[in-house]
Protein backbone atom coordinates (compact mmCIF):
# COMPACT_ATOMS: atom_id res chain seq x y z
CA MET A 1 41.44 -0.61 -222.54
CA GLN A 2 38.00 -1.41 -223.69
CA HIS A 3 34.65 -0.88 -221.78
CA CYS A 4 31.88 -3.03 -221.76
CA GLY A 5 28.25 -2.31 -220.08
CA MET A 6 26.31 -5.53 -219.45
CA ASP A 7 22.63 -5.42 -218.51
CA LEU A 8 22.49 -8.81 -216.80
CA HIS A 9 19.00 -10.70 -216.65
CA SER A 10 18.18 -14.21 -215.59
CA ARG A 11 17.80 -15.37 -219.37
CA LEU A 12 19.37 -12.87 -221.59
CA THR A 13 22.15 -10.07 -221.25
CA ALA A 14 22.34 -7.11 -223.29
CA TRP A 15 26.03 -5.79 -223.93
CA HIS A 16 27.56 -2.63 -225.32
CA LEU A 17 31.26 -2.50 -226.14
CA ILE A 18 33.24 0.88 -226.70
CA ASP A 19 36.96 1.55 -227.03
CA GLY A 20 39.09 3.93 -224.73
CA ALA A 21 38.04 6.78 -227.02
CA GLY A 22 34.25 6.18 -226.55
CA ARG A 23 33.84 4.80 -229.93
CA GLU A 24 31.20 1.95 -230.26
CA LEU A 25 32.60 -1.32 -231.12
CA GLY A 26 29.64 -3.39 -231.11
CA SER A 27 26.54 -4.22 -229.20
CA GLY A 28 24.12 -7.27 -228.87
CA VAL A 29 22.27 -9.79 -226.65
CA ILE A 30 23.55 -13.24 -225.38
CA ARG A 31 21.92 -15.90 -223.24
CA THR A 32 22.92 -15.72 -219.71
CA THR A 33 24.80 -18.78 -219.31
CA GLU A 34 28.63 -19.43 -218.59
CA GLU A 35 29.27 -20.95 -221.88
CA GLU A 36 27.88 -17.99 -223.84
CA LEU A 37 29.15 -15.42 -221.53
CA GLY A 38 32.60 -17.11 -221.59
CA ALA A 39 32.59 -17.37 -225.40
CA PHE A 40 31.84 -13.59 -225.73
CA LEU A 41 34.60 -12.67 -223.38
CA ARG A 42 37.19 -14.83 -225.35
CA GLN A 43 36.56 -13.00 -228.51
CA GLN A 44 37.69 -9.82 -226.97
CA THR A 45 41.60 -9.81 -227.54
CA LYS A 46 42.26 -6.68 -225.51
CA LEU A 47 41.77 -6.05 -221.84
CA THR A 48 38.14 -5.30 -221.33
CA GLN A 49 36.76 -3.65 -218.26
CA VAL A 50 33.04 -5.12 -217.88
CA TYR A 51 30.53 -3.09 -215.71
CA LEU A 52 27.60 -4.98 -214.19
CA GLU A 53 24.83 -3.57 -211.83
CA ALA A 54 24.72 -5.45 -208.48
CA SER A 55 22.07 -8.17 -208.50
CA THR A 56 21.58 -11.90 -207.21
CA SER A 57 23.70 -12.99 -210.24
CA SER A 58 26.32 -10.31 -210.51
CA ALA A 59 28.71 -12.19 -208.21
CA TRP A 60 28.63 -15.02 -210.27
CA ALA A 61 28.99 -13.22 -213.50
CA ALA A 62 32.05 -11.15 -212.15
CA ARG A 63 33.70 -14.65 -211.42
CA VAL A 64 33.14 -15.71 -214.98
CA ILE A 65 34.52 -12.24 -216.18
CA GLU A 66 37.78 -12.59 -214.25
CA ALA A 67 38.34 -16.26 -215.15
CA ASN A 68 38.42 -15.26 -218.63
CA GLY A 69 41.27 -12.72 -218.36
CA HIS A 70 39.09 -9.35 -218.07
CA ARG A 71 37.97 -7.00 -215.25
CA ALA A 72 34.77 -6.96 -213.64
CA VAL A 73 33.28 -3.96 -211.80
CA VAL A 74 30.00 -4.52 -210.04
CA VAL A 75 28.24 -1.09 -209.46
CA ASP A 76 25.52 0.08 -207.03
CA PRO A 77 22.32 0.59 -209.09
CA THR A 78 20.88 2.93 -206.39
CA ARG A 79 23.43 5.54 -207.09
CA ASN A 80 22.83 5.45 -211.02
CA ARG A 81 20.06 7.90 -211.70
CA LEU A 82 20.93 7.85 -215.39
CA ILE A 83 19.75 4.45 -215.71
CA SER A 84 16.90 4.13 -213.02
CA GLY A 85 15.22 7.41 -213.95
CA SER A 86 15.89 7.11 -217.80
CA THR A 87 12.70 8.18 -219.98
CA LYS A 88 13.89 5.51 -222.30
CA LYS A 89 14.74 2.49 -220.25
CA THR A 90 15.51 -0.64 -222.36
CA ASP A 91 18.23 -3.43 -221.77
CA LYS A 92 20.46 -2.06 -224.65
CA THR A 93 20.38 1.61 -223.48
CA ASP A 94 21.08 0.56 -219.84
CA ALA A 95 24.00 -1.61 -221.03
CA ALA A 96 25.33 1.46 -223.29
CA THR A 97 24.97 3.93 -220.35
CA LEU A 98 26.91 1.50 -218.16
CA ALA A 99 29.69 1.25 -220.71
CA THR A 100 29.84 5.34 -221.12
CA LEU A 101 29.83 6.00 -217.41
CA GLY A 102 32.32 3.26 -216.54
CA ARG A 103 34.63 4.69 -219.23
CA ALA A 104 34.29 8.21 -217.51
CA ASN A 105 34.81 6.79 -214.06
CA LEU A 106 31.47 7.96 -212.84
CA LEU A 107 29.97 4.47 -211.39
CA THR A 108 30.22 3.46 -207.67
CA PRO A 109 31.74 0.16 -207.38
CA VAL A 110 30.52 -2.35 -204.84
CA HIS A 111 32.31 -5.39 -202.98
CA VAL A 112 32.13 -8.52 -204.74
CA ARG A 113 31.94 -11.51 -202.48
CA SER A 114 33.75 -14.69 -202.53
CA PRO A 115 32.48 -18.12 -203.72
CA GLU A 116 32.81 -19.49 -200.19
CA THR A 117 30.95 -16.41 -198.51
CA ASP A 118 28.47 -16.39 -201.33
CA ARG A 119 27.36 -20.05 -200.40
CA VAL A 120 27.07 -19.13 -196.49
CA ARG A 121 25.06 -16.29 -197.48
CA LYS A 122 22.69 -18.28 -199.58
CA LEU A 123 22.38 -20.77 -196.74
CA PHE A 124 21.00 -18.18 -194.54
CA THR A 125 18.62 -16.96 -197.15
CA LEU A 126 17.24 -20.52 -197.66
CA ARG A 127 17.13 -21.14 -193.72
CA GLN A 128 15.16 -17.95 -193.30
CA ALA A 129 12.59 -18.99 -195.99
CA MET A 130 12.13 -22.28 -194.40
CA VAL A 131 11.70 -20.79 -191.09
CA ARG A 132 9.15 -18.26 -192.42
CA GLY A 133 7.35 -21.01 -194.09
CA ARG A 134 7.15 -23.20 -191.30
CA ALA A 135 5.82 -20.32 -188.97
CA SER A 136 3.09 -19.93 -191.83
CA LEU A 137 2.11 -23.63 -191.50
CA VAL A 138 2.06 -23.29 -187.70
CA LYS A 139 -0.49 -20.51 -187.83
CA VAL A 140 -2.56 -22.53 -190.34
CA VAL A 141 -2.82 -25.63 -187.81
CA ARG A 142 -3.44 -23.32 -184.87
CA ALA A 143 -6.32 -21.40 -186.68
CA THR A 144 -7.79 -24.62 -188.01
CA LEU A 145 -7.97 -26.09 -184.55
CA ARG A 146 -9.22 -22.83 -182.88
CA ALA A 147 -12.16 -23.07 -185.48
CA GLU A 148 -13.01 -26.32 -183.60
CA ALA A 149 -12.49 -24.51 -180.00
CA VAL A 150 -9.42 -26.42 -179.53
CA LEU A 151 -6.67 -23.87 -178.43
CA LEU A 152 -3.02 -25.16 -178.45
CA PRO A 153 -0.59 -24.02 -175.92
CA GLN A 154 2.31 -21.79 -176.70
CA ALA A 155 5.28 -23.59 -177.95
CA ASP A 156 8.72 -23.09 -179.59
CA THR A 157 8.29 -23.54 -183.31
CA ASP A 158 11.10 -26.35 -183.62
CA ALA A 159 9.24 -28.71 -181.01
CA PHE A 160 5.68 -27.77 -182.41
CA ALA A 161 5.30 -30.90 -184.63
CA ALA A 162 6.75 -33.26 -181.80
CA ARG A 163 4.16 -31.89 -179.32
CA MET A 164 1.34 -32.25 -181.83
CA ARG A 165 1.65 -35.90 -181.87
CA THR A 166 2.83 -36.81 -178.47
CA THR A 167 2.03 -33.99 -175.79
CA TRP A 168 -1.01 -32.38 -176.58
CA ASP A 169 -4.54 -34.02 -176.20
CA ILE A 170 -6.28 -33.27 -179.65
CA PRO A 171 -9.31 -35.24 -180.71
CA ALA A 172 -8.31 -37.90 -183.28
CA GLU A 173 -10.56 -36.57 -186.12
CA LEU A 174 -8.93 -33.32 -185.79
CA ALA A 175 -5.39 -34.62 -185.47
CA ALA A 176 -5.92 -36.72 -188.83
CA ASP A 177 -7.30 -33.55 -190.59
CA VAL A 178 -4.01 -31.43 -189.82
CA GLU A 179 -1.49 -34.36 -189.95
CA PRO A 180 -0.25 -33.56 -193.57
CA VAL A 181 0.54 -30.07 -192.33
CA VAL A 182 2.23 -31.17 -189.27
CA GLU A 183 4.17 -33.73 -191.43
CA ALA A 184 5.36 -30.80 -193.61
CA ILE A 185 6.24 -28.75 -190.45
CA ALA A 186 8.26 -31.87 -189.18
CA GLY A 187 10.16 -32.12 -192.51
CA ILE A 188 11.20 -28.52 -192.71
CA THR A 189 12.13 -28.48 -188.95
CA GLU A 190 14.83 -31.34 -190.05
CA GLN A 191 16.05 -29.45 -192.79
CA VAL A 192 16.43 -26.24 -190.66
CA LEU A 193 18.51 -28.28 -188.23
CA VAL A 194 20.68 -29.45 -191.31
CA ALA A 195 21.41 -25.92 -192.31
CA GLU A 196 22.25 -24.97 -188.91
CA GLU A 197 24.82 -27.84 -188.62
CA VAL A 198 26.48 -26.55 -191.62
CA ILE A 199 26.38 -22.96 -190.16
CA HIS A 200 27.88 -24.39 -187.05
CA THR A 201 30.88 -25.90 -189.01
CA HIS A 202 31.64 -22.29 -190.55
CA ALA A 203 31.43 -21.02 -186.74
CA VAL A 204 34.20 -23.71 -185.87
CA GLU A 205 36.29 -22.74 -188.78
CA ASN A 206 36.16 -18.85 -187.32
CA LYS A 207 36.27 -20.19 -183.58
CA GLU A 208 38.05 -17.42 -182.18
CA LEU A 209 36.09 -14.42 -184.00
CA VAL A 210 32.95 -16.06 -183.29
CA ARG A 211 33.77 -16.54 -179.55
CA ARG A 212 34.47 -12.72 -179.42
CA LEU A 213 31.17 -11.77 -181.05
CA THR A 214 28.94 -13.98 -179.05
CA SER A 215 30.52 -12.56 -175.95
CA ILE A 216 28.16 -9.76 -176.49
CA PRO A 217 24.95 -10.69 -174.63
CA GLY A 218 22.16 -11.69 -177.02
CA VAL A 219 24.51 -12.24 -179.84
CA GLY A 220 24.38 -16.09 -180.95
CA GLU A 221 26.25 -18.22 -183.25
CA LEU A 222 23.79 -17.70 -186.09
CA THR A 223 23.92 -13.87 -185.71
CA ALA A 224 27.77 -13.89 -185.48
CA VAL A 225 28.37 -16.21 -188.66
CA ALA A 226 25.65 -14.03 -190.59
CA PHE A 227 27.47 -10.90 -189.81
CA LEU A 228 30.92 -12.42 -190.72
CA ALA A 229 29.47 -13.75 -194.01
CA HIS A 230 27.91 -10.42 -195.09
CA ILE A 231 30.63 -8.03 -193.91
CA GLU A 232 33.32 -10.57 -195.15
CA ASP A 233 36.30 -7.67 -194.72
CA PRO A 234 35.85 -5.15 -191.98
CA ARG A 235 38.65 -3.13 -193.61
CA ARG A 236 36.24 -2.11 -196.48
CA PHE A 237 34.11 -0.03 -194.01
CA ARG A 238 36.05 3.27 -192.83
CA ASN A 239 33.74 3.72 -189.93
CA SER A 240 30.94 2.07 -187.84
CA GLY A 241 28.22 4.47 -189.48
CA GLN A 242 29.14 2.89 -192.94
CA VAL A 243 28.32 -0.53 -191.57
CA ALA A 244 24.98 0.51 -190.24
CA ALA A 245 24.10 1.93 -193.63
CA TYR A 246 25.14 -1.10 -195.48
CA LEU A 247 23.03 -3.30 -193.20
CA GLY A 248 19.96 -0.87 -193.73
CA LEU A 249 19.85 0.07 -190.00
CA ALA A 250 20.54 3.70 -190.80
CA PRO A 251 17.72 6.29 -191.00
CA TRP A 252 16.75 8.22 -193.95
CA VAL A 253 18.14 11.81 -193.85
CA HIS A 254 16.93 14.73 -195.63
CA GLU A 255 18.71 18.19 -195.05
CA SER A 256 17.99 21.31 -197.07
CA ALA A 257 17.75 24.86 -196.54
CA GLY A 258 19.22 24.47 -193.05
CA ARG A 259 16.46 21.89 -191.99
CA ARG A 260 17.26 18.41 -191.14
CA ARG A 261 14.76 15.65 -191.19
CA GLU A 262 15.15 11.95 -190.30
CA ALA A 263 12.73 9.20 -191.24
CA GLY A 264 12.42 5.37 -190.48
CA LEU A 265 15.42 2.88 -191.45
CA THR A 266 16.37 2.64 -195.08
CA LYS A 267 16.09 -1.03 -194.78
CA ARG A 268 18.56 -1.49 -197.58
CA GLY A 269 21.21 -4.35 -197.67
CA ASN A 270 20.71 -7.89 -196.54
CA LYS A 271 17.17 -8.58 -194.74
CA VAL A 272 18.62 -11.73 -193.10
CA VAL A 273 21.31 -10.01 -190.99
CA ARG A 274 19.12 -7.02 -190.14
CA THR A 275 16.45 -9.51 -188.76
CA LEU A 276 18.92 -11.50 -186.66
CA LEU A 277 20.25 -8.25 -185.26
CA ILE A 278 17.03 -7.05 -184.20
CA GLN A 279 16.28 -10.27 -182.56
CA ALA A 280 19.77 -10.06 -180.90
CA ALA A 281 18.84 -6.48 -179.80
CA TRP A 282 15.63 -8.01 -178.08
CA SER A 283 17.77 -10.79 -176.50
CA HIS A 284 20.22 -8.09 -175.28
CA VAL A 285 17.48 -6.40 -173.41
CA HIS A 286 16.23 -9.37 -171.74
CA THR A 287 19.51 -10.65 -170.62
CA ARG A 288 20.30 -10.52 -166.78
CA MET A 289 23.61 -8.84 -167.45
CA ASP A 290 23.74 -5.11 -166.66
CA THR A 291 25.39 -3.16 -169.68
CA ALA A 292 25.84 0.16 -170.97
CA LEU A 293 23.78 -0.59 -174.09
CA LYS A 294 20.97 -1.82 -172.09
CA ARG A 295 20.79 1.38 -169.98
CA TRP A 296 21.19 3.38 -173.21
CA PHE A 297 18.22 1.46 -174.75
CA HIS A 298 15.91 2.02 -171.62
CA SER A 299 16.75 5.80 -171.70
CA LEU A 300 16.04 6.05 -175.32
CA ALA A 301 12.89 3.76 -175.17
CA ALA A 302 11.29 6.13 -172.58
CA ARG A 303 11.55 9.04 -175.16
CA VAL A 304 10.81 7.48 -178.49
CA GLY A 305 9.25 4.11 -177.60
CA ARG A 306 10.56 0.49 -177.45
CA LYS A 307 10.04 -0.39 -181.22
CA LYS A 308 12.14 2.56 -182.50
CA ALA A 309 14.67 1.87 -179.42
CA ILE A 310 15.19 -1.62 -180.42
CA ALA A 311 16.14 -0.95 -184.18
CA ALA A 312 18.61 1.76 -182.67
CA LEU A 313 20.04 -0.87 -180.40
CA ALA A 314 20.27 -3.19 -183.35
CA ARG A 315 22.41 -0.78 -185.19
CA LYS A 316 24.46 -0.35 -182.05
CA LEU A 317 25.09 -4.05 -182.04
CA GLY A 318 26.12 -4.11 -185.50
CA GLU A 319 28.55 -1.18 -184.93
CA LEU A 320 29.87 -3.11 -181.96
CA MET A 321 30.57 -6.25 -183.66
CA TRP A 322 32.35 -4.40 -186.48
CA THR A 323 34.41 -2.68 -183.88
CA LEU A 324 35.35 -5.67 -182.10
CA TRP A 325 36.29 -7.39 -185.31
CA ARG A 326 38.28 -4.60 -186.74
CA LYS A 327 40.34 -3.72 -183.68
CA GLU A 328 40.44 -7.47 -182.37
CA ALA A 329 39.28 -6.18 -178.97
CA ALA A 330 37.32 -7.97 -176.30
CA TYR A 331 33.95 -7.21 -175.51
CA GLN A 332 33.20 -4.78 -172.29
CA PRO A 333 29.97 -4.44 -170.83
CA PHE A 334 30.92 -0.81 -169.55
CA PRO A 335 33.98 0.47 -171.71
CA SER A 336 35.90 3.19 -170.27
CA SER A 337 34.55 5.72 -172.87
CA SER A 338 30.91 5.03 -171.59
CA ARG A 339 29.19 7.32 -169.13
CA ARG A 340 26.94 4.76 -168.00
CA ALA A 341 29.39 2.83 -165.95
CA PRO A 342 27.69 1.05 -162.83
CA THR A 343 27.91 2.99 -159.73
CA THR A 344 29.40 1.29 -156.66
CA ALA A 345 27.36 0.96 -153.33
């Protein structure tokens, strides 16, 4: 088998090819297009294992490699100090290092998502970008009117544009000044609704699983579908702690010479799911239902503060959702293993 390291970039990709004995067979640079990548792969008459670092384009490149009869191995760049910490870091040397380490089986592979899952993940990323852009525009409108002593009431962002035009009493001259921005907010709101309709279709396709996850107080349809799309296969995690680490909800840990110190969250992994889980944690706390997790949150918040406790609760929710999915179990507010079961009068 041949081994090929590829340093993938948006425009150009450096490659380095070696044989099973480690002898160099060639190196070079190609354009990062499906045509040039496919042509390069079809030139390889022997089965080639191609190593790529995980990036926004790695899933696409892996599918092209597999479609041309070779093996794609997407690896975790955060665990490759020989590349990230190299004193001579170029695209060509990175590709050579990937090929050498891959041949020696010293790289850590990561999961490559399917095309359908990739589309859902991108949809959530685009939706979050639109929601953030809309929130920024709403702040601009509020600040502009506040400078003229016009204070707008609190309102849900989805209804902001409609209320600006129909409900709130705003001087005509000021309303005309901010109308272009309000128009942009209304347009973004329409597109957010379109994206959420598409997400709803994915929820319908996984109706039973989504229903099981949304039975947890605070977990809505958006959070459930985002979680399913980013985990994709629960069997690729051995335990719930790995799920928390994958979502970036686990703390940094430094242990040396018998001393252990924990810092803030790693915040690695997908930010969209992490944000939705934190929102779900706040919703869980404010729900009327009494749960073991809610009691645990209040107990923890009394010691470390609400901000840290809500991040810990978000981690618990992610672990719980994975457990319900993996074990095909139903949600219980007070599971039999919980020591926070409600007391009877």
